[in-house]
PDB file of N, CA and C in Angstrom:
ATOM      1  N   MET A   1      39.032  18.645 -11.844  1.00  0.00           N
ATOM      2  CA  MET A   1      38.908  17.309 -11.282  1.00  0.00           C
ATOM      3  C   MET A   1      38.162  16.444 -12.299  1.00  0.00           C
ATOM      4  N   ASP A   2      38.669  15.263 -12.547  1.00  0.00           N
ATOM      5  CA  ASP A   2      38.024  14.431 -13.553  1.00  0.00           C
ATOM      6  C   ASP A   2      36.841  13.656 -12.977  1.00  0.00           C
ATOM      7  N   ALA A   3      36.104  13.031 -13.862  1.00  0.00           N
ATOM      8  CA  ALA A   3      34.862  12.344 -13.484  1.00  0.00           C
ATOM      9  C   ALA A   3      35.099  11.207 -12.500  1.00  0.00           C
ATOM     10  N   LYS A   4      36.180  10.466 -12.670  1.00  0.00           N
ATOM     11  CA  LYS A   4      36.446   9.320 -11.789  1.00  0.00           C
ATOM     12  C   LYS A   4      36.696   9.780 -10.356  1.00  0.00           C
ATOM     13  N   VAL A   5      37.486  10.831 -10.206  1.00  0.00           N
ATOM     14  CA  VAL A   5      37.760  11.361  -8.870  1.00  0.00           C
ATOM     15  C   VAL A   5      36.474  11.894  -8.251  1.00  0.00           C
ATOM     16  N   SER A   6      35.660  12.587  -9.047  1.00  0.00           N
ATOM     17  CA  SER A   6      34.376  13.087  -8.548  1.00  0.00           C
ATOM     18  C   SER A   6      33.486  11.948  -8.078  1.00  0.00           C
ATOM     19  N   GLU A   7      33.478  10.857  -8.833  1.00  0.00           N
ATOM     20  CA  GLU A   7      32.678   9.690  -8.454  1.00  0.00           C
ATOM     21  C   GLU A   7      33.143   9.127  -7.111  1.00  0.00           C
ATOM     22  N   ILE A   8      34.438   9.018  -6.932  1.00  0.00           N
ATOM     23  CA  ILE A   8      34.983   8.494  -5.679  1.00  0.00           C
ATOM     24  C   ILE A   8      34.635   9.427  -4.521  1.00  0.00           C
ATOM     25  N   LEU A   9      34.738  10.732  -4.739  1.00  0.00           N
ATOM     26  CA  LEU A   9      34.396  11.678  -3.680  1.00  0.00           C
ATOM     27  C   LEU A   9      32.917  11.605  -3.322  1.00  0.00           C
ATOM     28  N   ARG A  10      32.053  11.414  -4.317  1.00  0.00           N
ATOM     29  CA  ARG A  10      30.615  11.243  -4.037  1.00  0.00           C
ATOM     30  C   ARG A  10      30.389  10.003  -3.191  1.00  0.00           C
ATOM     31  N   MET A  11      31.107   8.919  -3.511  1.00  0.00           N
ATOM     32  CA  MET A  11      30.973   7.693  -2.724  1.00  0.00           C
ATOM     33  C   MET A  11      31.398   7.929  -1.280  1.00  0.00           C
ATOM     34  N   LEU A  12      32.467   8.689  -1.100  1.00  0.00           N
ATOM     35  CA  LEU A  12      32.922   8.982   0.260  1.00  0.00           C
ATOM     36  C   LEU A  12      31.899   9.829   1.007  1.00  0.00           C
ATOM     37  N   ASP A  13      31.270  10.771   0.305  1.00  0.00           N
ATOM     38  CA  ASP A  13      30.227  11.592   0.926  1.00  0.00           C
ATOM     39  C   ASP A  13      29.033  10.746   1.343  1.00  0.00           C
ATOM     40  N   ASN A  14      28.727   9.729   0.557  1.00  0.00           N
ATOM     41  CA  ASN A  14      27.581   8.859   0.825  1.00  0.00           C
ATOM     42  C   ASN A  14      28.020   7.547   1.463  1.00  0.00           C
ATOM     43  N   TYR A  15      29.101   7.598   2.219  1.00  0.00           N
ATOM     44  CA  TYR A  15      29.696   6.414   2.827  1.00  0.00           C
ATOM     45  C   TYR A  15      28.661   5.615   3.615  1.00  0.00           C
ATOM     46  N   GLU A  16      28.597   4.335   3.309  1.00  0.00           N
ATOM     47  CA  GLU A  16      27.661   3.448   3.999  1.00  0.00           C
ATOM     48  C   GLU A  16      28.367   2.170   4.437  1.00  0.00           C
ATOM     49  N   GLY A  17      29.608   2.274   4.871  1.00  0.00           N
ATOM     50  CA  GLY A  17      30.341   1.102   5.333  1.00  0.00           C
ATOM     51  C   GLY A  17      30.977   0.290   4.224  1.00  0.00           C
ATOM     52  N   ASN A  18      31.156   0.895   3.071  1.00  0.00           N
ATOM     53  CA  ASN A  18      31.711   0.204   1.910  1.00  0.00           C
ATOM     54  C   ASN A  18      33.185   0.532   1.723  1.00  0.00           C
ATOM     55  N   GLU A  19      33.946   0.560   2.807  1.00  0.00           N
ATOM     56  CA  GLU A  19      35.329   1.010   2.693  1.00  0.00           C
ATOM     57  C   GLU A  19      36.177   0.131   1.788  1.00  0.00           C
ATOM     58  N   LYS A  20      35.929  -1.168   1.751  1.00  0.00           N
ATOM     59  CA  LYS A  20      36.729  -2.050   0.896  1.00  0.00           C
ATOM     60  C   LYS A  20      36.531  -1.691  -0.577  1.00  0.00           C
ATOM     61  N   GLU A  21      35.300  -1.485  -0.985  1.00  0.00           N
ATOM     62  CA  GLU A  21      35.017  -1.121  -2.379  1.00  0.00           C
ATOM     63  C   GLU A  21      35.643   0.231  -2.722  1.00  0.00           C
ATOM     64  N   ILE A  22      35.512   1.194  -1.823  1.00  0.00           N
ATOM     65  CA  ILE A  22      36.087   2.516  -2.060  1.00  0.00           C
ATOM     66  C   ILE A  22      37.607   2.419  -2.155  1.00  0.00           C
ATOM     67  N   PHE A  23      38.223   1.671  -1.251  1.00  0.00           N
ATOM     68  CA  PHE A  23      39.673   1.503  -1.261  1.00  0.00           C
ATOM     69  C   PHE A  23      40.132   0.857  -2.565  1.00  0.00           C
ATOM     70  N   GLU A  24      39.410  -0.163  -3.022  1.00  0.00           N
ATOM     71  CA  GLU A  24      39.773  -0.835  -4.272  1.00  0.00           C
ATOM     72  C   GLU A  24      39.649   0.112  -5.459  1.00  0.00           C
ATOM     73  N   MET A  25      38.610   0.954  -5.469  1.00  0.00           N
ATOM     74  CA  MET A  25      38.465   1.940  -6.544  1.00  0.00           C
ATOM     75  C   MET A  25      39.631   2.920  -6.528  1.00  0.00           C
ATOM     76  N   LEU A  26      40.004   3.372  -5.335  1.00  0.00           N
ATOM     77  CA  LEU A  26      41.129   4.296  -5.228  1.00  0.00           C
ATOM     78  C   LEU A  26      42.424   3.645  -5.698  1.00  0.00           C
ATOM     79  N   GLU A  27      42.639   2.391  -5.331  1.00  0.00           N
ATOM     80  CA  GLU A  27      43.838   1.675  -5.782  1.00  0.00           C
ATOM     81  C   GLU A  27      43.884   1.574  -7.300  1.00  0.00           C
ATOM     82  N   ARG A  28      42.748   1.231  -7.919  1.00  0.00           N
ATOM     83  CA  ARG A  28      42.706   1.129  -9.385  1.00  0.00           C
ATOM     84  C   ARG A  28      42.992   2.480 -10.030  1.00  0.00           C
ATOM     85  N   GLU A  29      42.432   3.536  -9.473  1.00  0.00           N
ATOM     86  CA  GLU A  29      42.643   4.869 -10.028  1.00  0.00           C
ATOM     87  C   GLU A  29      44.110   5.276  -9.914  1.00  0.00           C
ATOM     88  N   VAL A  30      44.719   5.022  -8.777  1.00  0.00           N
ATOM     89  CA  VAL A  30      46.137   5.352  -8.587  1.00  0.00           C
ATOM     90  C   VAL A  30      46.998   4.556  -9.563  1.00  0.00           C
ATOM     91  N   THR A  31      46.714   3.277  -9.720  1.00  0.00           N
ATOM     92  CA  THR A  31      47.472   2.428 -10.637  1.00  0.00           C
ATOM     93  C   THR A  31      47.344   2.936 -12.071  1.00  0.00           C
ATOM     94  N   ALA A  32      46.132   3.293 -12.469  1.00  0.00           N
ATOM     95  CA  ALA A  32      45.908   3.796 -13.824  1.00  0.00           C
ATOM     96  C   ALA A  32      46.653   5.102 -14.049  1.00  0.00           C
ATOM     97  N   ARG A  33      46.619   5.977 -13.063  1.00  0.00           N
ATOM     98  CA  ARG A  33      47.304   7.264 -13.208  1.00  0.00           C
ATOM     99  C   ARG A  33      48.823   7.089 -13.251  1.00  0.00           C
ATOM    100  N   LYS A  34      49.357   6.158 -12.471  1.00  0.00           N
ATOM    101  CA  LYS A  34      50.795   5.890 -12.509  1.00  0.00           C
ATOM    102  C   LYS A  34      51.202   5.370 -13.881  1.00  0.00           C
ATOM    103  N   ALA A  35      50.394   4.476 -14.443  1.00  0.00           N
ATOM    104  CA  ALA A  35      50.692   3.928 -15.766  1.00  0.00           C
ATOM    105  C   ALA A  35      50.643   5.029 -16.820  1.00  0.00           C
ATOM    106  N   LEU A  36      49.662   5.903 -16.724  1.00  0.00           N
ATOM    107  CA  LEU A  36      49.546   7.011 -17.670  1.00  0.00           C
ATOM    108  C   LEU A  36      50.746   7.944 -17.544  1.00  0.00           C
ATOM    109  N   ARG A  37      51.129   8.261 -16.318  1.00  0.00           N
ATOM    110  CA  ARG A  37      52.279   9.133 -16.085  1.00  0.00           C
ATOM    111  C   ARG A  37      53.547   8.516 -16.677  1.00  0.00           C
ATOM    112  N   LYS A  38      53.717   7.205 -16.486  1.00  0.00           N
ATOM    113  CA  LYS A  38      54.893   6.510 -17.016  1.00  0.00           C
ATOM    114  C   LYS A  38      54.898   6.547 -18.542  1.00  0.00           C
ATOM    115  N   SER A  39      53.732   6.337 -19.149  1.00  0.00           N
ATOM    116  CA  SER A  39      53.610   6.363 -20.603  1.00  0.00           C
ATOM    117  C   SER A  39      53.937   7.749 -21.158  1.00  0.00           C
ATOM    118  N   ILE A  40      53.429   8.776 -20.515  1.00  0.00           N
ATOM    119  CA  ILE A  40      53.697  10.145 -20.960  1.00  0.00           C
ATOM    120  C   ILE A  40      55.182  10.456 -20.837  1.00  0.00           C
ATOM    121  N   LYS A  41      55.783  10.030 -19.737  1.00  0.00           N
ATOM    122  CA  LYS A  41      57.214  10.273 -19.531  1.00  0.00           C
ATOM    123  C   LYS A  41      58.040   9.610 -20.626  1.00  0.00           C
ATOM    124  N   LYS A  42      57.694   8.359 -20.983  1.00  0.00           N
ATOM    125  CA  LYS A  42      58.415   7.656 -22.050  1.00  0.00           C
ATOM    126  C   LYS A  42      58.255   8.370 -23.384  1.00  0.00           C
ATOM    127  N   ARG A  43      57.039   8.842 -23.669  1.00  0.00           N
ATOM    128  CA  ARG A  43      56.806   9.555 -24.929  1.00  0.00           C
ATOM    129  C   ARG A  43      57.617  10.837 -24.990  1.00  0.00           C
ATOM    130  N   LEU A  44      57.641  11.574 -23.883  1.00  0.00           N
ATOM    131  CA  LEU A  44      58.414  12.813 -23.856  1.00  0.00           C
ATOM    132  C   LEU A  44      59.902  12.540 -24.041  1.00  0.00           C
ATOM    133  N   GLN A  45      60.407  11.491 -23.403  1.00  0.00           N
ATOM    134  CA  GLN A  45      61.817  11.136 -23.567  1.00  0.00           C
ATOM    135  C   GLN A  45      62.112  10.752 -25.009  1.00  0.00           C
ATOM    136  N   SER A  46      61.188  10.040 -25.631  1.00  0.00           N
ATOM    137  CA  SER A  46      61.360   9.645 -27.025  1.00  0.00           C
ATOM    138  C   SER A  46      61.408  10.871 -27.934  1.00  0.00           C
ATOM    139  N   ILE A  47      60.528  11.822 -27.665  1.00  0.00           N
ATOM    140  CA  ILE A  47      60.506  13.055 -28.458  1.00  0.00           C
ATOM    141  C   ILE A  47      61.815  13.816 -28.272  1.00  0.00           C
ATOM    142  N   GLU A  48      62.277  13.917 -27.028  1.00  0.00           N
ATOM    143  CA  GLU A  48      63.537  14.618 -26.752  1.00  0.00           C
ATOM    144  C   GLU A  48      64.715  13.938 -27.441  1.00  0.00           C
ATOM    145  N   ASN A  49      64.739  12.615 -27.444  1.00  0.00           N
ATOM    146  CA  ASN A  49      65.842  11.875 -28.059  1.00  0.00           C
ATOM    147  C   ASN A  49      65.833  11.987 -29.577  1.00  0.00           C
ATOM    148  N   ASN A  50      64.668  12.190 -30.163  1.00  0.00           N
ATOM    149  CA  ASN A  50      64.561  12.290 -31.618  1.00  0.00           C
ATOM    150  C   ASN A  50      64.727  13.716 -32.124  1.00  0.00           C
ATOM    151  N   SER A  51      64.861  14.675 -31.220  1.00  0.00           N
ATOM    152  CA  SER A  51      64.993  16.081 -31.633  1.00  0.00           C
ATOM    153  C   SER A  51      66.420  16.429 -31.953  1.00  0.00           C
TER     154      SER A  51
END
Protein backbone atom coordinates (compact mmCIF):
# COMPACT_ATOMS: atom_id res chain seq x y z
CA MET A 1 0.00 0.00 0.00
CA ASP A 2 1.47 3.35 -0.93
CA ALA A 3 1.86 6.38 1.32
CA LYS A 4 -1.10 8.30 -0.13
CA VAL A 5 -3.54 5.46 0.48
CA SER A 6 -2.15 5.02 4.01
CA GLU A 7 -2.67 8.73 4.65
CA ILE A 8 -6.29 8.53 3.50
CA LEU A 9 -6.92 5.47 5.67
CA ARG A 10 -5.44 7.27 8.70
CA MET A 11 -7.79 10.18 8.03
CA LEU A 12 -10.73 7.79 7.91
CA ASP A 13 -9.62 6.23 11.21
CA ASN A 14 -9.44 9.70 12.77
CA TYR A 15 -12.68 10.85 11.14
CA GLU A 16 -13.92 14.10 12.64
CA GLY A 17 -16.72 15.07 10.26
CA ASN A 18 -14.41 16.00 7.40
CA GLU A 19 -16.10 13.84 4.79
CA LYS A 20 -15.89 16.47 2.03
CA GLU A 21 -12.11 16.78 2.38
CA ILE A 22 -11.68 13.01 2.52
CA PHE A 23 -13.92 12.53 -0.52
CA GLU A 24 -11.97 15.16 -2.48
CA MET A 25 -8.67 13.46 -1.58
CA LEU A 26 -10.04 10.13 -2.74
CA GLU A 27 -11.26 11.67 -6.00
CA ARG A 28 -7.83 13.19 -6.67
CA GLU A 29 -6.11 9.89 -5.93
CA VAL A 30 -8.45 7.96 -8.24
CA THR A 31 -7.95 10.52 -11.01
CA ALA A 32 -4.17 10.37 -10.64
CA ARG A 33 -4.16 6.58 -10.70
CA LYS A 34 -6.38 6.49 -13.80
CA ALA A 35 -4.03 8.89 -15.58
CA LEU A 36 -1.02 6.79 -14.59
CA ARG A 37 -2.73 3.59 -15.76
CA LYS A 38 -3.58 5.24 -19.10
CA SER A 39 0.01 6.45 -19.53
CA ILE A 40 1.43 3.00 -18.78
CA LYS A 41 -1.01 1.39 -21.21
CA LYS A 42 0.04 3.80 -23.98
CA ARG A 43 3.73 3.12 -23.30
CA LEU A 44 3.19 -0.63 -23.41
CA GLN A 45 1.27 -0.34 -26.69
CA SER A 46 4.06 1.78 -28.12
CA ILE A 47 6.65 -0.80 -27.10
CA GLU A 48 4.56 -3.61 -28.62
CA ASN A 49 4.12 -1.68 -31.88
CA ASN A 50 7.85 -0.99 -32.16
CA SER A 51 8.85 -4.63 -31.56
